[in-house]
N, C-alpha and C. Protein backbone atom coordinates (compact mmCIF):
# COMPACT_ATOMS: atom_id res chain seq x y z
N MET A 1 5.37 -65.21 94.34
CA MET A 1 5.72 -66.56 93.83
C MET A 1 4.39 -66.92 93.63
N ASN A 2 4.42 -67.85 92.67
CA ASN A 2 3.49 -69.00 93.03
C ASN A 2 3.37 -69.97 93.20
N ALA A 3 2.65 -71.58 93.41
CA ALA A 3 2.69 -71.91 94.01
C ALA A 3 4.19 -73.22 93.46
N ASP A 4 4.23 -73.20 92.27
CA ASP A 4 4.82 -74.04 91.73
C ASP A 4 6.71 -73.34 91.53
N ALA A 5 6.60 -72.13 92.23
CA ALA A 5 8.01 -71.39 91.98
C ALA A 5 8.52 -71.01 91.32
N SER A 6 7.74 -70.34 90.11
CA SER A 6 7.85 -69.65 89.20
C SER A 6 7.41 -68.05 89.06
N PRO A 7 8.52 -66.90 89.21
CA PRO A 7 8.17 -65.87 89.26
C PRO A 7 6.68 -64.98 88.86
N GLY A 8 5.46 -64.70 89.65
CA GLY A 8 4.31 -64.35 89.11
C GLY A 8 4.62 -63.30 87.97
N VAL A 9 5.68 -61.93 87.95
CA VAL A 9 5.84 -60.95 87.38
C VAL A 9 7.10 -60.86 86.65
N VAL A 10 6.59 -60.74 85.25
CA VAL A 10 7.95 -60.46 84.22
C VAL A 10 7.62 -59.28 83.62
N SER A 11 9.32 -58.51 83.72
CA SER A 11 9.10 -57.18 83.33
C SER A 11 10.54 -57.38 82.27
N ASP A 12 10.45 -56.06 81.52
CA ASP A 12 11.66 -55.66 80.81
C ASP A 12 11.33 -53.96 81.02
N ALA A 13 11.91 -53.63 81.68
CA ALA A 13 12.29 -51.54 81.82
C ALA A 13 14.06 -51.59 81.40
N ARG A 14 13.21 -50.26 80.52
CA ARG A 14 14.28 -49.61 80.06
C ARG A 14 14.33 -48.20 80.34
N VAL A 15 15.72 -47.78 80.40
CA VAL A 15 15.63 -46.06 81.01
C VAL A 15 16.55 -45.18 79.86
N ASP A 16 16.03 -44.45 79.20
CA ASP A 16 16.84 -43.67 78.22
C ASP A 16 16.91 -42.17 78.67
N LEU A 17 18.00 -41.74 78.75
CA LEU A 17 18.11 -40.00 79.01
C LEU A 17 19.25 -39.57 78.42
N ARG A 18 18.73 -38.48 77.36
CA ARG A 18 19.41 -37.93 76.37
C ARG A 18 19.45 -36.35 76.99
N VAL A 19 20.87 -36.34 77.27
CA VAL A 19 20.89 -34.41 77.38
C VAL A 19 21.79 -33.73 76.16
N PRO A 20 21.20 -33.04 75.50
CA PRO A 20 21.79 -32.83 74.08
C PRO A 20 22.69 -32.02 73.87
N HIS A 21 23.30 -31.17 74.55
CA HIS A 21 25.07 -30.74 74.85
C HIS A 21 25.52 -31.24 76.03
N LEU A 22 25.00 -32.18 76.08
CA LEU A 22 26.57 -32.44 77.80
C LEU A 22 27.71 -32.30 77.09
N PHE A 23 28.31 -32.51 75.92
CA PHE A 23 30.17 -32.42 75.60
C PHE A 23 30.86 -31.12 75.89
N ALA A 24 29.62 -30.11 75.08
CA ALA A 24 29.43 -28.75 75.66
C ALA A 24 29.46 -27.92 76.66
N ILE A 25 28.56 -28.63 77.58
CA ILE A 25 28.67 -28.17 78.86
C ILE A 25 30.24 -28.43 80.16
N GLY A 26 30.62 -29.92 79.39
CA GLY A 26 31.42 -29.70 80.24
C GLY A 26 32.62 -29.24 79.91
N VAL A 27 32.41 -29.14 78.22
CA VAL A 27 33.63 -28.44 78.10
C VAL A 27 33.99 -27.27 78.32
N SER A 28 33.01 -26.52 78.93
CA SER A 28 32.62 -25.18 79.71
C SER A 28 33.60 -24.80 80.35
N ILE A 29 32.64 -25.78 81.51
CA ILE A 29 32.74 -25.88 82.81
C ILE A 29 34.46 -26.42 83.13
N LEU A 30 35.34 -27.32 82.34
CA LEU A 30 36.54 -27.77 82.29
C LEU A 30 37.27 -26.14 81.95
N VAL A 31 36.92 -25.39 81.07
CA VAL A 31 37.63 -24.14 81.01
C VAL A 31 37.55 -23.04 81.72
N ALA A 32 36.13 -22.87 81.92
CA ALA A 32 35.85 -22.56 83.70
C ALA A 32 36.97 -22.55 84.71
N GLY A 33 37.06 -23.61 84.92
CA GLY A 33 37.91 -24.19 86.53
C GLY A 33 39.46 -23.62 85.73
N LEU A 34 39.81 -24.01 84.52
CA LEU A 34 41.04 -23.79 84.08
C LEU A 34 41.02 -22.13 84.43
N VAL A 35 40.69 -21.19 84.20
CA VAL A 35 40.38 -19.74 84.20
C VAL A 35 40.62 -19.79 85.63
N PHE A 36 39.74 -19.71 86.34
CA PHE A 36 39.96 -19.60 87.85
C PHE A 36 40.98 -20.20 88.24
N LEU A 37 41.43 -21.36 87.99
CA LEU A 37 43.18 -21.72 88.28
C LEU A 37 43.88 -21.10 88.24
N LEU A 38 43.95 -20.08 86.99
CA LEU A 38 45.29 -18.98 86.47
C LEU A 38 45.18 -17.85 87.40
N VAL A 39 44.06 -17.79 87.54
CA VAL A 39 43.47 -16.60 88.48
C VAL A 39 44.00 -16.39 89.68
N GLY A 40 43.61 -17.85 90.24
CA GLY A 40 44.21 -18.26 91.53
C GLY A 40 45.73 -17.95 91.62
N VAL A 41 45.96 -18.51 90.68
CA VAL A 41 47.80 -18.56 90.70
C VAL A 41 48.19 -17.43 90.78
N LEU A 42 47.55 -16.55 89.71
CA LEU A 42 47.84 -15.25 89.35
C LEU A 42 48.00 -13.97 91.14
N LEU A 43 47.03 -14.57 91.92
CA LEU A 43 46.80 -13.58 92.59
C LEU A 43 47.40 -14.22 94.20
N LEU A 44 48.22 -15.45 93.93
CA LEU A 44 48.97 -16.00 94.73
C LEU A 44 50.32 -15.51 94.37
N VAL A 45 50.61 -15.72 93.18
CA VAL A 45 52.33 -14.75 92.69
C VAL A 45 52.56 -13.23 93.66
N LEU A 46 51.44 -12.78 92.99
CA LEU A 46 51.42 -11.14 93.08
C LEU A 46 51.19 -11.06 94.79
N GLY A 47 50.37 -11.76 95.53
CA GLY A 47 50.33 -11.38 96.84
C GLY A 47 51.80 -11.99 97.44
N LEU A 48 52.64 -13.05 97.81
CA LEU A 48 53.52 -13.28 98.27
C LEU A 48 55.11 -13.13 97.32
N ARG A 49 54.25 -12.59 96.26
CA ARG A 49 55.82 -11.72 96.10
C ARG A 49 56.69 -10.84 97.26
N SER A 50 58.23 -10.93 96.86
CA SER A 50 58.78 -10.44 97.99
C SER A 50 59.14 -8.39 97.37
N ARG A 51 58.56 -7.84 98.03
CA ARG A 51 58.40 -6.62 98.29
C ARG A 51 60.36 -6.21 98.54
N ARG A 52 60.52 -4.96 98.28
CA ARG A 52 61.84 -4.71 97.87
C ARG A 52 62.04 -3.35 99.06
N SER A 53 63.02 -2.93 100.07
CA SER A 53 62.58 -2.32 101.26
C SER A 53 63.31 -1.27 100.75
N PRO A 54 62.94 0.22 100.42
CA PRO A 54 63.77 1.09 100.38
C PRO A 54 64.35 1.72 100.63
N ARG A 55 66.00 1.77 100.11
CA ARG A 55 67.54 2.45 100.38
C ARG A 55 66.88 3.78 101.47
N TYR A 56 67.58 3.85 102.52
CA TYR A 56 67.81 5.05 102.66
C TYR A 56 69.67 5.79 102.51
N ALA A 57 69.14 7.44 102.85
CA ALA A 57 70.57 7.64 102.57
C ALA A 57 71.71 7.94 103.36
N GLY A 58 72.42 7.35 102.93
CA GLY A 58 73.54 7.47 104.57
C GLY A 58 73.76 5.51 104.93
N GLY A 59 72.79 4.89 104.82
CA GLY A 59 73.13 3.55 105.39
C GLY A 59 72.96 3.29 106.38
N ALA A 60 71.99 4.49 107.31
CA ALA A 60 71.57 4.53 108.64
C ALA A 60 70.29 3.94 108.61
N PRO A 61 70.04 3.37 109.81
CA PRO A 61 67.78 2.86 109.91
C PRO A 61 67.65 3.88 109.63
N PRO A 62 66.50 4.25 109.44
CA PRO A 62 65.25 4.92 110.07
C PRO A 62 65.21 5.41 111.35
N PRO A 63 64.87 6.04 112.20
CA PRO A 63 64.13 6.74 113.76
C PRO A 63 63.86 4.98 114.11
N MET A 64 62.65 5.28 113.45
CA MET A 64 61.77 3.53 114.50
C MET A 64 62.08 2.20 114.31
N TRP A 65 63.32 2.49 113.90
CA TRP A 65 64.23 1.24 114.69
C TRP A 65 65.27 1.46 115.66
N SER A 66 65.11 0.30 116.54
CA SER A 66 65.62 0.37 117.45
C SER A 66 67.02 -0.67 117.15
N ASP A 67 68.21 -0.46 118.12
CA ASP A 67 69.15 -1.64 118.07
C ASP A 67 68.58 -2.49 119.67
N PRO A 68 68.81 -3.55 118.86
CA PRO A 68 68.26 -5.07 119.95
C PRO A 68 68.91 -4.91 121.18
N ALA A 69 70.56 -4.02 121.51
CA ALA A 69 71.30 -3.95 122.47
C ALA A 69 70.79 -2.86 123.10
N SER A 70 70.07 -2.17 123.22
CA SER A 70 69.71 -1.49 123.77
C SER A 70 68.82 -0.98 124.85
N GLN A 71 68.07 -2.95 123.77
CA GLN A 71 67.38 -3.16 124.84
C GLN A 71 66.96 -3.69 126.03
N PRO A 72 66.73 -3.28 127.40
CA PRO A 72 67.08 -3.96 128.56
C PRO A 72 66.10 -5.79 128.65
N ALA A 73 67.49 -6.40 128.91
CA ALA A 73 67.09 -7.59 129.01
C ALA A 73 65.91 -8.43 130.17
N GLY A 74 65.11 -9.78 130.10
CA GLY A 74 64.25 -10.36 130.89
C GLY A 74 63.19 -9.47 130.14
N PRO A 75 61.85 -9.79 130.86
CA PRO A 75 60.69 -9.79 130.49
C PRO A 75 59.92 -8.57 130.89
N PRO A 76 58.97 -7.49 129.94
CA PRO A 76 59.10 -6.39 130.23
C PRO A 76 57.84 -6.13 131.83
N HIS A 77 57.95 -4.76 131.97
CA HIS A 77 58.02 -4.99 133.66
C HIS A 77 56.45 -4.51 133.62
N GLN A 78 55.60 -5.07 134.56
CA GLN A 78 54.21 -5.24 134.56
C GLN A 78 54.15 -4.38 136.31
N GLY A 79 53.29 -3.46 136.23
CA GLY A 79 52.79 -2.85 137.39
C GLY A 79 51.41 -3.88 138.11
N PRO A 80 51.22 -3.33 139.49
CA PRO A 80 49.92 -4.56 139.71
C PRO A 80 48.54 -4.22 139.26
N PRO A 81 47.97 -4.75 139.29
CA PRO A 81 46.50 -4.86 138.75
C PRO A 81 46.04 -3.90 139.01
N PRO A 82 45.06 -2.96 138.30
CA PRO A 82 44.23 -2.16 138.99
C PRO A 82 43.35 -2.68 140.09
N GLU A 83 43.08 -1.19 141.37
CA GLU A 83 41.81 -2.02 141.83
C GLU A 83 40.51 -2.28 141.14
N GLN A 84 40.24 -2.64 141.25
CA GLN A 84 38.39 -2.79 141.52
C GLN A 84 37.55 -2.12 142.09
N GLU A 85 37.03 -1.23 141.40
CA GLU A 85 35.88 -0.13 142.77
C GLU A 85 34.79 -1.41 142.85
N HIS A 86 34.02 -1.86 142.44
CA HIS A 86 32.87 -2.21 142.79
C HIS A 86 32.84 -3.57 142.18
N ARG A 87 32.62 -4.97 143.38
CA ARG A 87 32.15 -5.93 142.78
C ARG A 87 30.63 -6.41 142.85
N PRO A 88 30.33 -7.33 141.93
CA PRO A 88 29.20 -7.40 141.71
C PRO A 88 28.94 -8.54 142.65
N GLN A 89 27.33 -8.47 143.80
CA GLN A 89 27.07 -8.82 144.39
C GLN A 89 26.69 -10.31 144.02
N THR A 90 26.57 -11.09 144.53
CA THR A 90 26.47 -12.91 144.35
C THR A 90 25.79 -13.16 145.51
N ALA A 91 24.74 -14.15 145.15
CA ALA A 91 24.09 -14.63 145.94
C ALA A 91 24.46 -15.34 147.49
N LYS A 92 25.96 -15.35 147.54
CA LYS A 92 26.32 -15.68 148.85
C LYS A 92 26.15 -14.17 149.84
N ASN A 93 26.18 -12.97 149.52
CA ASN A 93 26.38 -12.17 150.25
C ASN A 93 25.32 -10.91 150.25
N LEU A 94 24.01 -11.47 149.76
CA LEU A 94 22.85 -10.66 149.61
C LEU A 94 22.63 -10.24 150.60
N GLY A 95 22.07 -11.33 151.64
CA GLY A 95 21.46 -10.93 153.19
C GLY A 95 22.30 -10.42 153.71
N PRO A 96 22.03 -10.35 155.12
CA PRO A 96 22.71 -10.08 156.38
C PRO A 96 23.74 -10.90 156.52
N PRO A 97 24.66 -10.63 157.36
CA PRO A 97 25.77 -11.82 157.64
C PRO A 97 25.11 -13.13 158.79
N ARG A 98 25.53 -13.97 158.03
CA ARG A 98 24.87 -15.19 159.67
C ARG A 98 25.98 -15.53 160.97
N ASN A 99 25.75 -16.00 161.82
CA ASN A 99 26.31 -16.01 162.78
C ASN A 99 26.09 -17.50 163.60
């Protein structure tokens, strides 16, 4: 600023940007997005569609199925953990025993 409080520099600036095919680019991106959306919906529908289970002759389930009533109740039995054959040495037990 000058001593009389007037600005020292006056500027009039303008910026002009022209993109020749901006509308065509925007429409192309929109169409590509819609195509991707339709492909995604198609893949979801095909992937989530329920499949019919095959029917078995005689109405009996295949042998790999079991009757839940024939299963024992309660959690499965677990045996004792296997013995450790070798325990790694630690800094505490590397040297001779202290008395």
